[in-house]
Every structure is written in structure tokens, then in C-alpha cells.
Amino acid sequence: MIVALILLGLFTVLVINNNAVKPTAQNAVLSLSSASPIPSPIQTLSTSPSNTSTPSSQTEVTMATIKTAKGNIEIEFYTKDAPNTVANFVSKAKSGFYNNLTFHRVENWVVQGGDPLGNGAGGGNMTVEFNSKPFVVGAVGIASKGDGKVQNDSQFFIVKTDSQFLNGKYTNFGIVTKGMDVVQKMEIGDAILGITTE
């Protein structure tokens, strides 16, 4: 009887210790994902890389409309080719993260926006999702940290010319289906009034 009680006590301690380790490991992952020198305001909500499939409620979102003072830009997402990148973008759009951020980079071949600092240095980190989608005119990609493993979690760009030299180096997560004329009119400092998704 005493031996049984001792064994039961040891088993209870072992279970308690195992359960105490799990939250610590989860906290370590969250602290790593938020250890960026300039984290975005909702980084822990939407940027933790996942090896599992994206929830179906998020992959059902297939389009977004970027609203600007110069007109709207409609994007169709590549939900099957970049599910985590799309889910992250949709989450930020729905939360209002992009509202009133600007296009901080405008060149003859590309426009880039979505930086919370507005200077190209802001945003957090997430895992890249390279795929076989080519960077043709209107392709929508994510700014990269440059190591082939990590990309920015908020800054996106739209190419204005065929830019297939970017293939396999940046995550391509969508294509402009309407509003390339608006993309061509963008200037540095033009604001994203909001992004709606459907």
C-alpha cells in the first residue's frame, strides 16, 4: 500500500513537471518570433510561422482591395501556393494594421508599402514561402530579409514590369486583377486608406 502511494505521488509529480514544460516551450517560440528589433504591433498574433495547414476560414479569403486616394487596387491571392503569407496579410488587413500606412518605395518597376515605420525598416519576421508563381506584371510579393529563410511580415510590393529575376527569391502571394493603372500612379508617401478582403 505504501509503495503504491509513493508510486502514485511520483507519477503526479512527473505529470505536473511535464505540463509545466509545455507552456515554457511555447513562450520561448513566442519570444523568438517577437524578438525582432522593430516588431510590428500585432506580430505575435499573425506572424508565427506554422508547419501546419492554414485554417480553412482564412484560406477562403481569395481577394483583397487596397484603397487609395488615386483609386483601388484589386488582388487575387495564391492561397494554395503561399497559405501562411496570405493568412498573415489577411489578418493584418482585417485588423486595420495597414490603414494609413504609406507606399514608401516607388520606382519605375515596383511600388512597396505596408511598413509601420514608413521608411523600409519596419515590420517583423516570418518564414518565406517560395513557389513557382512568376513575378510578371502585377505580381504581389513580400519584402525579404535576404537570407532565403526569413521575410518581412508586413511590407509587400507590386511589380510594374516583368520582374522574373525575383522568381524563387521572394514569396509571390498574389496578382493584381484590376487597378494596375492605379499602381502606375503611386508616388512615395501615398497612403493605403484601408484594405478590404473577401
N, C-alpha and C. Protein backbone atom coordinates (compact mmCIF):
# COMPACT_ATOMS: atom_id res chain seq x y z
N MET A 1 0.82 -1.20 0.00
CA MET A 1 0.00 0.00 0.00
C MET A 1 0.87 1.27 0.00
N ILE A 2 1.90 1.28 0.84
CA ILE A 2 2.80 2.42 0.92
C ILE A 2 3.54 2.60 -0.41
N VAL A 3 3.97 1.48 -0.99
CA VAL A 3 4.67 1.54 -2.28
C VAL A 3 3.75 2.12 -3.35
N ALA A 4 2.49 1.70 -3.33
CA ALA A 4 1.52 2.21 -4.30
C ALA A 4 1.32 3.71 -4.14
N LEU A 5 1.26 4.20 -2.91
CA LEU A 5 1.10 5.63 -2.66
C LEU A 5 2.34 6.40 -3.12
N ILE A 6 3.52 5.85 -2.88
CA ILE A 6 4.75 6.51 -3.33
C ILE A 6 4.78 6.60 -4.85
N LEU A 7 4.43 5.49 -5.51
CA LEU A 7 4.40 5.48 -6.98
C LEU A 7 3.38 6.48 -7.52
N LEU A 8 2.22 6.54 -6.87
CA LEU A 8 1.19 7.50 -7.28
C LEU A 8 1.70 8.93 -7.12
N GLY A 9 2.39 9.21 -6.02
CA GLY A 9 2.96 10.54 -5.80
C GLY A 9 4.01 10.90 -6.83
N LEU A 10 4.89 9.95 -7.17
CA LEU A 10 5.90 10.20 -8.20
C LEU A 10 5.26 10.45 -9.55
N PHE A 11 4.23 9.68 -9.87
CA PHE A 11 3.52 9.85 -11.14
C PHE A 11 2.90 11.25 -11.22
N THR A 12 2.30 11.70 -10.11
CA THR A 12 1.68 13.03 -10.07
C THR A 12 2.71 14.13 -10.29
N VAL A 13 3.87 13.99 -9.64
CA VAL A 13 4.95 14.98 -9.80
C VAL A 13 5.43 15.01 -11.25
N LEU A 14 5.57 13.81 -11.85
CA LEU A 14 6.02 13.72 -13.24
C LEU A 14 5.03 14.40 -14.18
N VAL A 15 3.74 14.17 -13.99
CA VAL A 15 2.72 14.80 -14.83
C VAL A 15 2.75 16.31 -14.67
N ILE A 16 2.86 16.80 -13.45
CA ILE A 16 2.90 18.24 -13.20
C ILE A 16 4.13 18.85 -13.87
N ASN A 17 5.28 18.21 -13.76
CA ASN A 17 6.51 18.73 -14.38
C ASN A 17 6.40 18.74 -15.89
N ASN A 18 5.84 17.70 -16.48
CA ASN A 18 5.68 17.67 -17.95
C ASN A 18 4.76 18.77 -18.43
N ASN A 19 3.69 19.01 -17.70
CA ASN A 19 2.76 20.06 -18.09
C ASN A 19 3.39 21.44 -17.91
N ALA A 20 4.30 21.57 -16.94
CA ALA A 20 4.95 22.87 -16.73
C ALA A 20 5.94 23.18 -17.84
N VAL A 21 6.50 22.15 -18.50
CA VAL A 21 7.48 22.38 -19.55
C VAL A 21 6.83 22.90 -20.82
N LYS A 22 5.63 22.41 -21.12
CA LYS A 22 4.99 22.80 -22.39
C LYS A 22 4.76 24.29 -22.53
N PRO A 23 4.16 24.98 -21.56
CA PRO A 23 3.99 26.43 -21.72
C PRO A 23 5.31 27.16 -21.87
N THR A 24 6.37 26.68 -21.18
CA THR A 24 7.66 27.33 -21.29
C THR A 24 8.17 27.27 -22.72
N ALA A 25 8.02 26.10 -23.37
CA ALA A 25 8.46 25.95 -24.75
C ALA A 25 7.66 26.87 -25.66
N GLN A 26 6.36 26.94 -25.43
CA GLN A 26 5.53 27.82 -26.26
C GLN A 26 5.93 29.28 -26.05
N ASN A 27 6.20 29.66 -24.83
CA ASN A 27 6.62 31.03 -24.56
C ASN A 27 7.93 31.35 -25.25
N ALA A 28 8.83 30.36 -25.30
CA ALA A 28 10.11 30.58 -25.97
C ALA A 28 9.89 30.85 -27.45
N VAL A 29 8.98 30.09 -28.08
CA VAL A 29 8.71 30.32 -29.50
C VAL A 29 8.13 31.71 -29.70
N LEU A 30 7.17 32.12 -28.86
CA LEU A 30 6.59 33.45 -28.99
C LEU A 30 7.64 34.53 -28.79
N SER A 31 8.54 34.32 -27.82
CA SER A 31 9.54 35.36 -27.59
C SER A 31 10.53 35.43 -28.74
N LEU A 32 10.83 34.31 -29.39
CA LEU A 32 11.70 34.34 -30.54
C LEU A 32 11.04 35.07 -31.68
N SER A 33 9.73 34.81 -31.91
CA SER A 33 9.05 35.46 -33.04
C SER A 33 8.84 36.94 -32.78
N SER A 34 8.91 37.37 -31.54
CA SER A 34 8.73 38.80 -31.26
C SER A 34 10.04 39.48 -30.89
N ALA A 35 11.17 38.78 -31.16
CA ALA A 35 12.47 39.34 -30.79
C ALA A 35 13.04 40.25 -31.87
N SER A 36 12.27 40.53 -32.90
CA SER A 36 12.71 41.43 -33.95
C SER A 36 13.04 42.79 -33.35
N PRO A 37 14.09 43.45 -33.84
CA PRO A 37 14.43 44.75 -33.27
C PRO A 37 13.30 45.78 -33.39
N ILE A 38 12.46 45.62 -34.43
CA ILE A 38 11.35 46.56 -34.61
C ILE A 38 10.08 45.74 -34.85
N PRO A 39 9.49 45.16 -33.82
CA PRO A 39 8.32 44.32 -34.03
C PRO A 39 7.10 45.13 -34.46
N SER A 40 6.26 44.49 -35.25
CA SER A 40 5.02 45.16 -35.63
C SER A 40 4.04 45.03 -34.48
N PRO A 41 3.03 45.91 -34.42
CA PRO A 41 2.11 45.92 -33.29
C PRO A 41 1.38 44.61 -33.07
N ILE A 42 1.11 43.83 -34.12
CA ILE A 42 0.34 42.61 -33.92
C ILE A 42 1.15 41.39 -34.33
N GLN A 43 2.46 41.48 -34.17
CA GLN A 43 3.34 40.42 -34.65
C GLN A 43 3.01 39.06 -34.04
N THR A 44 2.80 38.97 -32.73
CA THR A 44 2.56 37.67 -32.13
C THR A 44 1.23 37.09 -32.55
N LEU A 45 0.31 37.92 -33.00
CA LEU A 45 -0.99 37.43 -33.44
C LEU A 45 -0.91 36.75 -34.78
N SER A 46 -0.09 37.30 -35.70
CA SER A 46 -0.23 36.84 -37.06
C SER A 46 1.02 36.37 -37.75
N THR A 47 2.16 36.36 -37.08
CA THR A 47 3.37 36.04 -37.83
C THR A 47 4.08 34.79 -37.38
N SER A 48 3.57 34.07 -36.41
CA SER A 48 4.26 32.87 -36.00
C SER A 48 4.22 31.87 -37.14
N PRO A 49 5.38 31.49 -37.69
CA PRO A 49 5.37 30.54 -38.79
C PRO A 49 4.74 29.23 -38.37
N SER A 50 4.06 28.59 -39.28
CA SER A 50 3.36 27.36 -38.98
C SER A 50 3.70 26.31 -40.01
N ASN A 51 3.95 25.08 -39.54
CA ASN A 51 4.19 23.97 -40.45
C ASN A 51 2.90 23.25 -40.78
N THR A 52 1.82 23.64 -40.16
CA THR A 52 0.55 23.00 -40.43
C THR A 52 -0.21 23.80 -41.47
N SER A 53 -1.28 23.23 -41.96
CA SER A 53 -2.05 23.93 -42.98
C SER A 53 -2.78 25.12 -42.38
N THR A 54 -3.06 26.09 -43.21
CA THR A 54 -3.75 27.30 -42.78
C THR A 54 -5.21 26.96 -42.51
N PRO A 55 -5.81 27.52 -41.46
CA PRO A 55 -7.22 27.25 -41.19
C PRO A 55 -8.08 27.60 -42.39
N SER A 56 -9.09 26.74 -42.64
CA SER A 56 -9.92 26.93 -43.83
C SER A 56 -10.65 28.26 -43.82
N SER A 57 -10.96 28.79 -42.64
CA SER A 57 -11.66 30.07 -42.59
C SER A 57 -10.83 31.19 -43.18
N GLN A 58 -9.49 31.06 -43.12
CA GLN A 58 -8.63 32.10 -43.68
C GLN A 58 -8.34 31.85 -45.14
N THR A 59 -8.22 30.57 -45.56
CA THR A 59 -7.91 30.30 -46.95
C THR A 59 -9.11 30.57 -47.85
N GLU A 60 -10.29 30.72 -47.28
CA GLU A 60 -11.47 31.05 -48.08
C GLU A 60 -11.39 32.49 -48.60
N VAL A 61 -10.59 33.32 -47.97
CA VAL A 61 -10.40 34.68 -48.45
C VAL A 61 -9.50 34.61 -49.67
N THR A 62 -10.01 35.00 -50.83
CA THR A 62 -9.26 34.85 -52.06
C THR A 62 -8.89 36.18 -52.71
N MET A 63 -9.45 37.28 -52.21
CA MET A 63 -9.20 38.58 -52.84
C MET A 63 -9.08 39.68 -51.80
N ALA A 64 -8.41 40.76 -52.21
CA ALA A 64 -8.31 41.96 -51.37
C ALA A 64 -8.38 43.18 -52.26
N THR A 65 -8.87 44.27 -51.68
CA THR A 65 -8.90 45.55 -52.38
C THR A 65 -8.14 46.57 -51.54
N ILE A 66 -7.06 47.10 -52.14
CA ILE A 66 -6.28 48.15 -51.48
C ILE A 66 -6.88 49.48 -51.91
N LYS A 67 -7.36 50.24 -50.96
CA LYS A 67 -8.00 51.53 -51.26
C LYS A 67 -6.99 52.66 -51.12
N THR A 68 -6.90 53.50 -52.15
CA THR A 68 -6.01 54.66 -52.11
C THR A 68 -6.78 55.88 -52.62
N ALA A 69 -6.25 57.05 -52.44
CA ALA A 69 -6.88 58.28 -52.93
C ALA A 69 -6.87 58.33 -54.46
N LYS A 70 -6.02 57.53 -55.09
CA LYS A 70 -5.92 57.52 -56.55
C LYS A 70 -6.75 56.41 -57.20
N GLY A 71 -7.42 55.61 -56.37
CA GLY A 71 -8.24 54.51 -56.87
C GLY A 71 -7.95 53.22 -56.12
N ASN A 72 -8.63 52.16 -56.52
CA ASN A 72 -8.50 50.88 -55.84
C ASN A 72 -7.62 49.93 -56.63
N ILE A 73 -6.95 49.06 -55.91
CA ILE A 73 -6.12 48.00 -56.49
C ILE A 73 -6.68 46.68 -56.00
N GLU A 74 -7.13 45.83 -56.92
CA GLU A 74 -7.70 44.53 -56.55
C GLU A 74 -6.66 43.44 -56.75
N ILE A 75 -6.56 42.58 -55.75
CA ILE A 75 -5.57 41.49 -55.77
C ILE A 75 -6.28 40.16 -55.60
N GLU A 76 -5.84 39.18 -56.37
CA GLU A 76 -6.28 37.80 -56.17
C GLU A 76 -5.13 37.06 -55.52
N PHE A 77 -5.41 36.35 -54.42
CA PHE A 77 -4.37 35.66 -53.66
C PHE A 77 -4.06 34.28 -54.23
N TYR A 78 -2.82 33.85 -54.03
CA TYR A 78 -2.40 32.47 -54.32
C TYR A 78 -2.48 31.69 -53.00
N THR A 79 -3.69 31.35 -52.60
CA THR A 79 -3.91 30.74 -51.29
C THR A 79 -3.27 29.37 -51.16
N LYS A 80 -3.16 28.64 -52.25
CA LYS A 80 -2.57 27.30 -52.17
C LYS A 80 -1.04 27.35 -52.25
N ASP A 81 -0.50 28.38 -52.87
CA ASP A 81 0.94 28.48 -53.07
C ASP A 81 1.66 29.20 -51.93
N ALA A 82 0.95 30.06 -51.21
CA ALA A 82 1.55 30.81 -50.11
C ALA A 82 0.52 30.99 -48.99
N PRO A 83 0.01 29.89 -48.43
CA PRO A 83 -1.09 29.98 -47.46
C PRO A 83 -0.79 30.78 -46.21
N ASN A 84 0.41 30.64 -45.66
CA ASN A 84 0.74 31.37 -44.42
C ASN A 84 0.94 32.86 -44.68
N THR A 85 1.53 33.17 -45.82
CA THR A 85 1.73 34.58 -46.19
C THR A 85 0.39 35.26 -46.42
N VAL A 86 -0.50 34.56 -47.14
CA VAL A 86 -1.84 35.11 -47.38
C VAL A 86 -2.59 35.29 -46.07
N ALA A 87 -2.56 34.27 -45.20
CA ALA A 87 -3.26 34.34 -43.92
C ALA A 87 -2.74 35.51 -43.08
N ASN A 88 -1.43 35.73 -43.09
CA ASN A 88 -0.83 36.83 -42.34
C ASN A 88 -1.31 38.18 -42.90
N PHE A 89 -1.28 38.32 -44.23
CA PHE A 89 -1.70 39.56 -44.87
C PHE A 89 -3.18 39.84 -44.57
N VAL A 90 -4.01 38.80 -44.70
CA VAL A 90 -5.46 38.95 -44.45
C VAL A 90 -5.71 39.34 -43.00
N SER A 91 -4.99 38.70 -42.07
CA SER A 91 -5.16 39.02 -40.65
C SER A 91 -4.83 40.48 -40.38
N LYS A 92 -3.73 40.95 -40.95
CA LYS A 92 -3.35 42.35 -40.76
C LYS A 92 -4.37 43.29 -41.41
N ALA A 93 -4.82 42.94 -42.61
CA ALA A 93 -5.80 43.78 -43.30
C ALA A 93 -7.09 43.89 -42.49
N LYS A 94 -7.56 42.77 -41.98
CA LYS A 94 -8.82 42.76 -41.21
C LYS A 94 -8.69 43.54 -39.91
N SER A 95 -7.49 43.54 -39.33
CA SER A 95 -7.30 44.25 -38.05
C SER A 95 -7.14 45.76 -38.23
N GLY A 96 -6.98 46.20 -39.49
CA GLY A 96 -6.77 47.63 -39.74
C GLY A 96 -5.31 48.04 -39.68
N PHE A 97 -4.41 47.06 -39.58
CA PHE A 97 -2.98 47.34 -39.47
C PHE A 97 -2.48 48.24 -40.59
N TYR A 98 -2.93 48.00 -41.83
CA TYR A 98 -2.42 48.74 -42.98
C TYR A 98 -3.05 50.13 -43.16
N ASN A 99 -4.12 50.41 -42.44
CA ASN A 99 -4.81 51.70 -42.60
C ASN A 99 -3.86 52.87 -42.37
N ASN A 100 -3.77 53.73 -43.39
CA ASN A 100 -2.97 54.96 -43.36
C ASN A 100 -1.45 54.75 -43.38
N LEU A 101 -1.00 53.50 -43.60
CA LEU A 101 0.42 53.32 -43.89
C LEU A 101 0.67 53.79 -45.32
N THR A 102 1.91 53.98 -45.68
CA THR A 102 2.20 54.57 -46.99
C THR A 102 2.98 53.62 -47.90
N PHE A 103 3.03 54.02 -49.18
CA PHE A 103 3.96 53.41 -50.12
C PHE A 103 5.26 54.19 -49.98
N HIS A 104 6.23 53.57 -49.33
CA HIS A 104 7.49 54.27 -49.02
C HIS A 104 8.52 54.12 -50.14
N ARG A 105 8.30 53.16 -51.02
CA ARG A 105 9.24 52.94 -52.12
C ARG A 105 8.47 52.90 -53.43
N VAL A 106 8.82 53.77 -54.35
CA VAL A 106 8.21 53.79 -55.69
C VAL A 106 9.32 53.97 -56.70
N GLU A 107 9.50 52.97 -57.55
CA GLU A 107 10.50 53.02 -58.60
C GLU A 107 9.82 52.68 -59.93
N ASN A 108 10.56 52.76 -61.01
CA ASN A 108 9.92 52.53 -62.31
C ASN A 108 9.43 51.10 -62.48
N TRP A 109 9.89 50.18 -61.65
CA TRP A 109 9.49 48.78 -61.80
C TRP A 109 8.70 48.22 -60.61
N VAL A 110 8.61 48.99 -59.50
CA VAL A 110 8.00 48.43 -58.30
C VAL A 110 7.43 49.53 -57.40
N VAL A 111 6.37 49.18 -56.65
CA VAL A 111 5.90 50.01 -55.54
C VAL A 111 5.89 49.12 -54.31
N GLN A 112 6.22 49.69 -53.16
CA GLN A 112 6.29 48.90 -51.93
C GLN A 112 5.69 49.69 -50.78
N GLY A 113 4.91 49.01 -49.96
CA GLY A 113 4.27 49.67 -48.81
C GLY A 113 4.05 48.68 -47.68
N GLY A 114 3.30 49.14 -46.68
CA GLY A 114 2.97 48.27 -45.55
C GLY A 114 3.97 48.30 -44.42
N ASP A 115 4.88 49.27 -44.43
CA ASP A 115 5.87 49.39 -43.36
C ASP A 115 5.31 50.28 -42.26
N PRO A 116 5.18 49.76 -41.02
CA PRO A 116 4.64 50.59 -39.94
C PRO A 116 5.51 51.80 -39.62
N LEU A 117 6.80 51.77 -39.99
CA LEU A 117 7.68 52.92 -39.76
C LEU A 117 7.71 53.86 -40.96
N GLY A 118 7.29 53.37 -42.11
CA GLY A 118 7.24 54.21 -43.30
C GLY A 118 8.56 54.47 -43.98
N ASN A 119 9.62 53.75 -43.59
CA ASN A 119 10.93 54.02 -44.18
C ASN A 119 11.64 52.76 -44.70
N GLY A 120 10.95 51.63 -44.71
CA GLY A 120 11.55 50.38 -45.19
C GLY A 120 12.23 49.57 -44.13
N ALA A 121 12.25 50.04 -42.88
CA ALA A 121 12.95 49.33 -41.80
C ALA A 121 11.99 48.64 -40.83
N GLY A 122 10.70 48.84 -40.98
CA GLY A 122 9.75 48.30 -40.01
C GLY A 122 9.19 46.95 -40.37
N GLY A 123 8.46 46.38 -39.44
CA GLY A 123 7.84 45.07 -39.63
C GLY A 123 8.61 44.00 -38.89
N GLY A 124 7.98 42.83 -38.78
CA GLY A 124 8.60 41.70 -38.09
C GLY A 124 9.10 40.65 -39.06
N ASN A 125 9.21 39.42 -38.59
CA ASN A 125 9.74 38.33 -39.38
C ASN A 125 8.74 37.19 -39.51
N MET A 126 8.80 36.47 -40.62
CA MET A 126 8.10 35.21 -40.77
C MET A 126 8.84 34.37 -41.81
N THR A 127 8.51 33.10 -41.88
CA THR A 127 9.19 32.18 -42.79
C THR A 127 8.77 32.44 -44.23
N VAL A 128 9.73 32.36 -45.15
CA VAL A 128 9.42 32.55 -46.57
C VAL A 128 8.59 31.38 -47.09
N GLU A 129 7.85 31.64 -48.18
CA GLU A 129 7.07 30.59 -48.85
C GLU A 129 7.33 30.69 -50.36
N PHE A 130 8.51 30.31 -50.76
CA PHE A 130 8.82 30.35 -52.19
C PHE A 130 7.90 29.39 -52.94
N ASN A 131 7.56 29.75 -54.18
CA ASN A 131 6.72 28.90 -55.00
C ASN A 131 7.08 29.14 -56.47
N SER A 132 6.35 28.50 -57.36
CA SER A 132 6.68 28.58 -58.79
C SER A 132 5.95 29.69 -59.53
N LYS A 133 5.19 30.51 -58.81
CA LYS A 133 4.48 31.61 -59.46
C LYS A 133 5.48 32.66 -59.95
N PRO A 134 5.41 33.05 -61.23
CA PRO A 134 6.38 34.01 -61.76
C PRO A 134 6.03 35.45 -61.39
N PHE A 135 7.05 36.27 -61.26
CA PHE A 135 6.85 37.70 -60.98
C PHE A 135 6.65 38.44 -62.30
N VAL A 136 5.42 38.28 -62.83
CA VAL A 136 5.03 39.01 -64.03
C VAL A 136 4.44 40.34 -63.60
N VAL A 137 4.07 41.19 -64.57
CA VAL A 137 3.47 42.49 -64.25
C VAL A 137 2.26 42.28 -63.33
N GLY A 138 2.23 43.00 -62.22
CA GLY A 138 1.12 42.92 -61.27
C GLY A 138 1.32 41.91 -60.16
N ALA A 139 2.41 41.14 -60.18
CA ALA A 139 2.65 40.16 -59.11
C ALA A 139 2.85 40.89 -57.78
N VAL A 140 2.35 40.26 -56.72
CA VAL A 140 2.43 40.84 -55.38
C VAL A 140 3.34 39.98 -54.53
N GLY A 141 4.41 40.58 -54.01
CA GLY A 141 5.37 39.83 -53.22
C GLY A 141 5.58 40.44 -51.86
N ILE A 142 6.40 39.75 -51.07
CA ILE A 142 6.72 40.19 -49.71
C ILE A 142 8.20 40.56 -49.64
N ALA A 143 8.49 41.68 -49.00
CA ALA A 143 9.89 42.09 -48.82
C ALA A 143 10.64 41.02 -48.05
N SER A 144 11.88 40.80 -48.40
CA SER A 144 12.66 39.73 -47.80
C SER A 144 13.76 40.29 -46.91
N LYS A 145 14.13 39.50 -45.91
CA LYS A 145 15.26 39.84 -45.06
C LYS A 145 16.57 39.49 -45.75
N GLY A 146 16.50 38.74 -46.85
CA GLY A 146 17.67 38.50 -47.67
C GLY A 146 18.42 37.20 -47.42
N ASP A 147 17.99 36.39 -46.45
CA ASP A 147 18.74 35.16 -46.18
C ASP A 147 18.09 33.92 -46.79
N GLY A 148 16.99 34.09 -47.51
CA GLY A 148 16.32 32.94 -48.11
C GLY A 148 15.47 32.14 -47.15
N LYS A 149 15.42 32.54 -45.89
CA LYS A 149 14.63 31.82 -44.89
C LYS A 149 13.58 32.71 -44.25
N VAL A 150 13.90 34.00 -44.11
CA VAL A 150 13.03 34.92 -43.38
C VAL A 150 12.58 36.04 -44.30
N GLN A 151 11.30 36.38 -44.20
CA GLN A 151 10.76 37.53 -44.94
C GLN A 151 10.10 38.48 -43.96
N ASN A 152 9.83 39.69 -44.41
CA ASN A 152 9.15 40.67 -43.59
C ASN A 152 7.71 40.21 -43.38
N ASP A 153 7.09 40.59 -42.29
CA ASP A 153 5.72 40.14 -42.05
C ASP A 153 4.67 41.19 -42.42
N SER A 154 5.09 42.35 -42.93
CA SER A 154 4.07 43.36 -43.26
C SER A 154 4.32 44.08 -44.58
N GLN A 155 5.57 44.24 -44.98
CA GLN A 155 5.86 45.00 -46.20
C GLN A 155 5.62 44.15 -47.45
N PHE A 156 4.80 44.68 -48.34
CA PHE A 156 4.51 43.98 -49.59
C PHE A 156 4.87 44.89 -50.76
N PHE A 157 5.05 44.28 -51.93
CA PHE A 157 5.36 45.07 -53.11
C PHE A 157 4.57 44.56 -54.31
N ILE A 158 4.39 45.43 -55.29
CA ILE A 158 3.73 45.08 -56.55
C ILE A 158 4.68 45.48 -57.67
N VAL A 159 4.97 44.52 -58.56
CA VAL A 159 5.89 44.85 -59.66
C VAL A 159 5.12 45.47 -60.82
N LYS A 160 5.70 46.52 -61.40
CA LYS A 160 5.07 47.25 -62.51
C LYS A 160 5.58 46.79 -63.87
N THR A 161 6.65 46.01 -63.86
CA THR A 161 7.20 45.45 -65.09
C THR A 161 7.47 43.97 -64.86
N ASP A 162 7.68 43.22 -65.92
CA ASP A 162 8.03 41.81 -65.78
C ASP A 162 9.33 41.74 -64.96
N SER A 163 9.29 41.02 -63.85
CA SER A 163 10.42 41.01 -62.91
C SER A 163 10.76 39.58 -62.49
N GLN A 164 10.89 38.72 -63.48
CA GLN A 164 11.09 37.31 -63.15
C GLN A 164 12.47 37.01 -62.57
N PHE A 165 13.34 38.00 -62.51
CA PHE A 165 14.60 37.82 -61.79
C PHE A 165 14.35 37.64 -60.29
N LEU A 166 13.11 37.94 -59.84
CA LEU A 166 12.75 37.75 -58.44
C LEU A 166 12.26 36.33 -58.15
N ASN A 167 11.98 35.56 -59.20
CA ASN A 167 11.44 34.21 -59.02
C ASN A 167 12.33 33.37 -58.11
N GLY A 168 11.70 32.71 -57.13
CA GLY A 168 12.44 31.84 -56.23
C GLY A 168 13.27 32.57 -55.19
N LYS A 169 13.21 33.90 -55.18
CA LYS A 169 13.97 34.68 -54.21
C LYS A 169 13.05 35.44 -53.25
N TYR A 170 11.81 35.64 -53.65
CA TYR A 170 10.81 36.34 -52.84
C TYR A 170 9.50 35.56 -52.90
N THR A 171 8.70 35.66 -51.85
CA THR A 171 7.41 34.99 -51.84
C THR A 171 6.43 35.76 -52.71
N ASN A 172 5.87 35.10 -53.69
CA ASN A 172 4.84 35.66 -54.58
C ASN A 172 3.51 35.14 -54.06
N PHE A 173 2.65 36.04 -53.55
CA PHE A 173 1.42 35.56 -52.93
C PHE A 173 0.15 36.08 -53.58
N GLY A 174 0.27 36.76 -54.72
CA GLY A 174 -0.94 37.23 -55.40
C GLY A 174 -0.64 37.97 -56.68
N ILE A 175 -1.71 38.40 -57.34
CA ILE A 175 -1.59 39.13 -58.60
C ILE A 175 -2.67 40.21 -58.66
N VAL A 176 -2.32 41.37 -59.19
CA VAL A 176 -3.30 42.44 -59.37
C VAL A 176 -4.23 42.05 -60.52
N THR A 177 -5.52 42.05 -60.27
CA THR A 177 -6.51 41.72 -61.31
C THR A 177 -7.20 42.96 -61.84
N LYS A 178 -7.12 44.04 -61.10
CA LYS A 178 -7.72 45.31 -61.52
C LYS A 178 -7.02 46.45 -60.79
N GLY A 179 -6.68 47.51 -61.51
CA GLY A 179 -6.09 48.67 -60.86
C GLY A 179 -4.61 48.85 -61.11
N MET A 180 -4.06 48.19 -62.15
CA MET A 180 -2.64 48.42 -62.46
C MET A 180 -2.40 49.88 -62.85
N ASP A 181 -3.42 50.53 -63.40
CA ASP A 181 -3.28 51.96 -63.71
C ASP A 181 -3.08 52.77 -62.43
N VAL A 182 -3.71 52.33 -61.34
CA VAL A 182 -3.55 52.98 -60.04
C VAL A 182 -2.14 52.73 -59.51
N VAL A 183 -1.67 51.48 -59.64
CA VAL A 183 -0.30 51.15 -59.21
C VAL A 183 0.70 52.06 -59.92
N GLN A 184 0.49 52.27 -61.22
CA GLN A 184 1.41 53.10 -62.01
C GLN A 184 1.40 54.57 -61.54
N LYS A 185 0.30 55.00 -60.92
CA LYS A 185 0.19 56.40 -60.46
C LYS A 185 0.76 56.63 -59.07
N MET A 186 1.07 55.56 -58.34
CA MET A 186 1.52 55.71 -56.96
C MET A 186 2.81 56.53 -56.88
N GLU A 187 2.88 57.35 -55.84
CA GLU A 187 4.07 58.14 -55.56
C GLU A 187 4.50 57.88 -54.11
N ILE A 188 5.74 58.14 -53.82
CA ILE A 188 6.23 57.96 -52.45
C ILE A 188 5.39 58.80 -51.49
N GLY A 189 4.91 58.17 -50.45
CA GLY A 189 4.09 58.85 -49.45
C GLY A 189 2.60 58.69 -49.65
N ASP A 190 2.17 58.15 -50.80
CA ASP A 190 0.73 57.90 -50.99
C ASP A 190 0.26 56.88 -49.96
N ALA A 191 -0.91 57.14 -49.39
CA ALA A 191 -1.40 56.33 -48.27
C ALA A 191 -2.27 55.16 -48.73
N ILE A 192 -2.20 54.10 -47.94
CA ILE A 192 -3.15 52.99 -48.04
C ILE A 192 -4.30 53.39 -47.13
N LEU A 193 -5.43 53.74 -47.70
CA LEU A 193 -6.57 54.17 -46.88
C LEU A 193 -7.17 53.00 -46.10
N GLY A 194 -7.04 51.82 -46.64
CA GLY A 194 -7.55 50.61 -45.99
C GLY A 194 -7.46 49.45 -46.97
N ILE A 195 -7.57 48.25 -46.44
CA ILE A 195 -7.59 47.05 -47.28
C ILE A 195 -8.76 46.21 -46.84
N THR A 196 -9.65 45.90 -47.78
CA THR A 196 -10.78 45.01 -47.51
C THR A 196 -10.49 43.65 -48.14
N THR A 197 -11.05 42.59 -47.56
CA THR A 197 -10.84 41.25 -48.08
C THR A 197 -12.18 40.56 -48.31
N GLU A 198 -12.18 39.60 -49.22
CA GLU A 198 -13.39 38.82 -49.47
C GLU A 198 -13.03 37.42 -49.94
